[in-house]
Protein backbone atom coordinates (compact mmCIF):
# COMPACT_ATOMS: atom_id res chain seq x y z
CA MET A 1 0.80 -38.29 15.41
CA PHE A 2 3.25 -40.93 16.82
CA ASP A 3 6.27 -38.78 15.70
CA PHE A 4 8.29 -40.31 18.47
CA SER A 5 12.07 -40.14 19.11
CA GLU A 6 13.98 -43.49 19.27
CA ASP A 7 13.85 -43.58 23.06
CA GLU A 8 10.20 -42.80 23.19
CA TRP A 9 9.42 -45.77 20.88
CA VAL A 10 11.54 -48.01 23.13
CA PHE A 11 9.70 -46.80 26.21
CA LEU A 12 6.33 -47.26 24.59
CA VAL A 13 7.19 -50.88 23.54
CA LEU A 14 8.49 -51.72 27.03
CA ALA A 15 5.58 -49.79 28.79
CA LEU A 16 3.00 -51.69 26.71
CA ALA A 17 4.63 -55.13 27.26
CA GLY A 18 4.92 -54.39 31.05
CA ALA A 19 1.30 -53.29 31.06
CA CYS A 20 -0.06 -56.17 29.29
CA VAL A 21 1.87 -58.62 31.43
CA GLY A 22 0.99 -56.87 34.60
CA ALA A 23 -2.76 -56.83 33.68
CA TRP A 24 -2.65 -60.50 32.71
CA ARG A 25 -1.10 -61.52 35.94
CA TRP A 26 -3.38 -59.20 38.00
CA TYR A 27 -6.79 -60.32 36.59
CA PHE A 28 -5.80 -63.90 35.90
CA THR A 29 -5.00 -64.32 39.59
CA LEU A 30 -8.31 -62.69 40.42
CA LEU A 31 -10.27 -65.06 38.11
CA ARG A 32 -8.60 -68.03 39.57
CA VAL A 33 -10.04 -67.27 42.99
CA SER A 34 -13.03 -69.45 43.53
CA PRO A 35 -16.23 -67.26 43.91
CA LEU A 36 -17.15 -69.50 46.84
CA ASN A 37 -14.09 -68.70 48.84
CA ALA A 38 -13.52 -65.10 47.65
CA ASP A 39 -14.46 -61.99 49.54
CA SER A 40 -16.72 -60.15 47.12
CA ARG A 41 -15.97 -56.70 48.31
CA SER A 42 -12.16 -57.34 48.15
CA GLN A 43 -12.65 -58.70 44.56
CA VAL A 44 -14.56 -55.62 43.39
CA LEU A 45 -11.93 -53.41 45.11
CA LEU A 46 -9.05 -55.19 43.35
CA ASN A 47 -10.81 -55.18 40.05
CA LEU A 48 -11.53 -51.50 40.08
CA ALA A 49 -8.23 -50.24 41.61
CA PRO A 50 -6.14 -50.32 38.27
CA PRO A 51 -8.82 -48.72 36.05
CA ILE A 52 -9.54 -46.00 38.60
CA SER A 53 -5.85 -45.21 38.86
CA LEU A 54 -5.67 -44.95 35.12
CA VAL A 55 -8.64 -42.67 35.12
CA LEU A 56 -6.90 -40.38 37.63
CA LEU A 57 -3.83 -40.29 35.35
CA MET A 58 -5.97 -39.49 32.31
CA LEU A 59 -7.58 -36.58 34.03
CA VAL A 60 -3.98 -35.22 34.92
CA LEU A 61 -2.73 -35.77 31.35
CA GLN A 62 -5.68 -33.89 29.73
CA SER A 63 -5.66 -30.94 32.08
CA LEU A 64 -2.27 -30.40 33.74
CA ALA A 65 0.37 -32.17 31.52
CA ASP A 66 2.53 -30.52 28.88
CA PRO A 67 -0.03 -28.19 26.98
CA VAL A 68 2.18 -28.43 23.75
CA TYR A 69 2.89 -32.09 23.35
CA VAL A 70 0.73 -34.08 25.81
CA ALA A 71 -2.56 -32.52 26.73
CA GLY A 72 -4.94 -33.07 23.91
CA HIS A 73 -2.53 -35.24 21.90
CA LEU A 74 -3.42 -38.73 21.61
CA ASP A 75 0.12 -40.05 20.89
CA TYR A 76 1.72 -38.91 24.05
CA THR A 77 -1.41 -39.40 26.11
CA LEU A 78 -1.22 -43.09 25.09
CA LEU A 79 2.50 -43.11 25.80
CA PHE A 80 2.20 -41.99 29.37
CA LEU A 81 -0.98 -44.03 30.13
CA ALA A 82 0.92 -47.15 28.98
CA GLY A 83 3.74 -45.93 31.12
CA GLY A 84 1.31 -45.45 33.99
CA ALA A 85 -0.15 -48.95 33.80
CA CYS A 86 3.15 -50.58 33.70
CA TRP A 87 4.20 -48.37 36.55
CA VAL A 88 1.48 -49.33 39.02
CA PHE A 89 1.59 -53.09 38.15
CA GLY A 90 5.29 -53.05 38.48
CA ALA A 91 5.20 -51.23 41.77
CA SER A 92 2.53 -53.52 43.04
CA GLU A 93 5.11 -56.44 42.77
CA ALA A 94 7.30 -54.63 45.26
CA PHE A 95 4.65 -54.31 48.00
CA ALA A 96 5.79 -57.87 49.14
CA LEU A 97 8.85 -56.33 50.25
CA MET A 98 6.91 -54.31 52.77
CA GLY A 99 5.26 -57.35 53.99
CA VAL A 100 1.93 -57.22 52.20
CA SER A 101 1.98 -59.19 49.11
CA THR A 102 -0.43 -58.45 46.24
CA ILE A 103 -0.80 -61.97 44.85
CA ASP A 104 -0.51 -64.11 47.96
CA ASP A 105 -2.10 -61.76 50.75
CA ALA A 106 -4.76 -59.72 48.81
CA MET A 107 -5.69 -62.19 46.22
CA ARG A 108 -4.91 -65.95 46.84
CA ARG A 109 -5.73 -65.62 50.67
CA ARG A 110 -8.68 -63.43 50.12
CA ASN A 111 -7.55 -61.10 52.89
CA PRO A 112 -9.86 -57.94 52.86
CA ALA A 113 -7.31 -55.96 54.95
CA ALA A 114 -4.54 -56.75 52.55
CA ALA A 115 -6.91 -55.82 49.43
CA VAL A 116 -7.58 -52.41 50.91
CA ALA A 117 -3.87 -51.75 51.65
CA VAL A 118 -2.91 -52.92 48.05
CA ALA A 119 -5.64 -50.67 46.48
CA GLY A 120 -4.34 -47.70 48.48
CA GLY A 121 -0.83 -48.57 47.35
CA LEU A 122 -1.88 -48.64 43.82
CA VAL A 123 -3.53 -45.19 43.93
CA GLY A 124 -0.57 -43.75 45.93
CA VAL A 125 1.92 -44.90 43.27
CA MET A 126 -0.36 -43.56 40.54
CA LEU A 127 -0.50 -40.15 42.27
CA ALA A 128 3.24 -39.98 42.42
CA TYR A 129 3.56 -40.90 38.82
CA ALA A 130 0.74 -38.59 37.77
CA GLY A 131 2.14 -35.51 39.57
CA SER A 132 5.41 -36.08 37.82
CA ASN A 133 3.47 -35.74 34.53
CA ILE A 134 2.35 -32.29 35.38
CA GLY A 135 4.15 -29.53 33.55
CA ASN A 136 6.36 -28.84 30.63
CA GLY A 137 9.53 -30.58 30.04
CA PRO A 138 11.83 -31.09 26.98
CA THR A 139 11.91 -34.96 26.93
CA ILE A 140 10.11 -37.84 28.57
CA TRP A 141 13.16 -38.32 30.84
CA THR A 142 11.96 -34.92 32.59
CA THR A 143 8.82 -36.87 33.47
CA LEU A 144 10.13 -40.42 34.08
CA VAL A 145 13.09 -39.80 36.34
CA PRO A 146 11.06 -37.52 38.68
CA ALA A 147 8.31 -40.24 38.66
CA PHE A 148 10.92 -43.00 39.61
CA ALA A 149 12.35 -40.70 42.32
CA ALA A 150 8.91 -39.99 43.88
CA THR A 151 7.77 -43.62 43.56
CA ALA A 152 11.04 -44.88 45.21
CA VAL A 153 10.59 -42.36 48.16
CA LEU A 154 7.02 -43.58 48.57
CA LEU A 155 8.17 -47.20 48.83
CA ALA A 156 11.14 -46.02 51.05
CA PHE A 157 8.71 -44.33 53.52
CA TRP A 158 6.51 -47.45 53.58
CA PHE A 159 9.53 -49.55 54.32
CA VAL A 160 10.78 -47.30 57.08
CA LEU A 161 7.13 -47.29 58.56
CA GLU A 162 7.23 -51.17 58.60
CA LEU A 163 10.75 -51.27 60.20
CA ILE A 164 9.85 -49.01 63.13
CA GLY A 165 6.14 -49.52 63.76
CA GLY A 166 3.99 -50.85 60.84
CA ALA A 167 1.13 -53.03 60.80
CA TYR A 168 1.88 -55.66 58.23
CA GLU A 169 1.60 -58.48 60.82
CA ALA A 170 -1.82 -57.18 61.85
CA ILE A 171 -2.84 -57.05 58.08
CA THR A 172 -1.51 -60.29 56.95
CA LEU A 173 -2.00 -62.48 60.05
CA ASP A 174 -4.85 -60.91 61.87
CA HIS A 175 -6.69 -59.70 58.75
CA ASP A 176 -7.15 -56.41 60.61
CA VAL A 177 -9.33 -54.16 58.21
CA ALA A 178 -8.70 -51.04 60.25
CA ALA A 179 -4.99 -51.31 59.86
CA GLY A 180 -5.45 -51.94 56.18
CA ILE A 181 -7.57 -48.81 55.81
CA ARG A 182 -4.99 -46.66 57.82
CA LEU A 183 -2.19 -48.02 55.54
CA ALA A 184 -4.17 -47.37 52.39
CA ALA A 185 -4.77 -43.78 53.39
CA PHE A 186 -1.15 -43.27 54.39
CA LEU A 187 0.07 -44.46 50.98
CA VAL A 188 -2.57 -42.23 49.14
CA CYS A 189 -1.46 -39.22 51.24
CA VAL A 190 2.22 -39.85 50.71
CA GLY A 191 1.71 -40.36 46.89
CA ALA A 192 -0.40 -37.15 46.62
CA ILE A 193 2.31 -35.06 48.45
CA LEU A 194 5.16 -36.48 46.69
CA GLY A 195 3.49 -36.23 43.25
CA ARG A 196 2.64 -32.51 43.93
CA ALA A 197 6.20 -32.02 45.04
CA MET A 198 7.32 -33.22 41.64
CA ALA A 199 4.86 -31.19 39.62
CA GLY A 200 5.37 -28.10 37.51
CA ASP A 201 7.48 -26.98 34.70
CA TRP A 202 11.02 -28.46 34.34
CA LEU A 203 13.87 -26.10 34.54
CA ASP A 204 16.92 -28.07 35.55
CA TRP A 205 17.66 -31.18 37.67
CA ASP A 206 18.93 -29.27 40.66
CA SER A 207 15.82 -27.08 40.93
CA THR A 208 13.61 -30.19 40.32
CA PHE A 209 14.96 -32.05 43.26
CA LEU A 210 15.42 -29.17 45.56
CA GLU A 211 11.74 -28.38 45.05
CA PHE A 212 10.76 -31.91 45.60
CA VAL A 213 12.57 -31.89 49.08
CA LYS A 214 11.12 -28.45 49.94
CA LEU A 215 7.54 -29.42 49.24
CA GLY A 216 7.75 -33.15 49.91
CA TRP A 217 9.15 -33.45 53.21
CA PRO A 218 5.92 -33.09 55.16
CA ALA A 219 5.11 -36.54 53.82
CA ALA A 220 7.59 -38.01 56.29
CA LEU A 221 5.60 -36.46 59.26
CA LEU A 222 2.90 -39.13 58.44
CA ILE A 223 5.38 -41.99 59.44
CA PRO A 224 5.50 -41.18 63.21
CA ALA A 225 1.84 -40.44 63.13
CA MET A 226 1.13 -43.98 61.49
CA VAL A 227 3.60 -45.63 64.11
CA MET A 228 1.53 -44.12 67.01
CA MET A 229 -1.82 -45.10 65.55
CA ASN A 230 -0.50 -48.59 64.64
CA ARG A 231 0.53 -49.17 68.41
CA ARG A 232 -2.51 -47.64 69.80
CA TYR A 233 -4.97 -49.51 67.66
CA ALA A 234 -3.02 -52.82 67.25
CA PRO A 235 -5.17 -56.08 67.77
CA THR A 236 -5.26 -57.46 71.34
CA PRO A 237 -6.32 -60.68 72.79
CA GLN A 238 -9.39 -59.09 74.02
CA GLN A 239 -10.02 -57.22 70.57
CA THR A 240 -8.60 -59.42 67.79
CA HIS A 241 -10.37 -57.46 65.16
CA PRO A 242 -10.41 -53.77 65.91
CA GLU A 243 -13.60 -51.88 64.77
CA PRO A 244 -12.88 -50.43 61.14
CA GLY A 245 -14.81 -47.31 61.57
CA THR A 246 -13.34 -45.64 64.58
CA ARG A 247 -9.81 -47.24 64.27
CA GLY A 248 -9.64 -47.32 60.39
CA LEU A 249 -11.81 -44.84 58.71
CA THR A 250 -11.54 -42.01 61.23
CA PRO A 251 -7.76 -41.75 61.30
CA ALA A 252 -7.86 -42.31 57.54
CA VAL A 253 -10.18 -39.42 56.97
CA ILE A 254 -8.01 -37.14 59.28
CA MET A 255 -4.93 -37.99 57.20
CA LEU A 256 -6.71 -37.35 54.02
CA VAL A 257 -8.15 -34.05 55.21
CA VAL A 258 -4.78 -32.77 56.54
CA THR A 259 -3.11 -33.70 53.28
CA MET A 260 -5.91 -32.06 51.23
CA ALA A 261 -5.38 -28.98 53.26
CA TYR A 262 -1.62 -28.96 52.67
CA LEU A 263 -2.12 -29.45 48.93
CA VAL A 264 -4.64 -26.49 48.89
CA TYR A 265 -2.08 -24.50 50.80
CA LEU A 266 0.51 -25.17 48.04
CA GLY A 267 -1.96 -24.31 45.37
CA LEU A 268 -1.66 -25.59 41.56
CA PRO A 269 1.78 -26.11 40.27
CA HIS A 270 3.06 -23.70 37.75
CA VAL A 271 2.46 -24.85 34.17
CA ALA A 272 3.29 -22.31 31.37
CA PRO A 273 0.45 -22.33 28.66
CA ALA A 274 1.30 -23.32 25.14
CA VAL A 275 1.05 -19.74 23.85
CA ALA A 276 3.82 -18.70 26.27
CA ARG A 277 6.33 -20.99 24.83
CA PRO A 278 8.47 -20.44 21.89
CA SER A 279 7.62 -22.48 18.73
């Protein structure tokens, strides 16, 4: 128990500190929003998004993570859970670079469209991180480096989307919930695909990133699809708030179904059982 190497202890301390600061900043900001002015559904969504993300990570750690050191082992489970909490709270600070601020738009301005987008971003980031935890590896860096790469690509795809045809103005200015739902689904789908592309036993860095490109490139196809939908369903003077069902939920469900079909096609990543590894 807790027989960590020096770099693992350093990561644990930094991850716990980052998780505590992130959780305090997240929930303290939510508590400061007056109940009279807050959108109750947005408040519930933002309160639940971090713990739901951690539950998803916990399920992965206990079922598909390294069967020798992580799955069923409290010490490394806590290590990577702390890392996951720090990861999602840290990544949420970068959402403002894509035009949707977690603190200002989703929380302080009580914008339901931004709240949905931020919640989707949180889950997407966690899926990218969780997928990188799947499989065997000799050190924590064979998990953390792929997780950083997958998260960076997710944020880069979001940035490219906003450059060529994103909906951040519809979300932040028009409070277009349909646009927020589409963006949330996009981020969840991209995170799921990139996380799966990083999943599996670690062999060497070349094969890790070659497999990532080979399996993860279809996530880029969601960008032009989102651009077309954002232009087609953009708010107009005649319809300043597009209908969330047909213009938000329906495209979101289509993206999620297509992504799920692709993940089913890929199948489960290869994870060697503990008995198959030398002692």
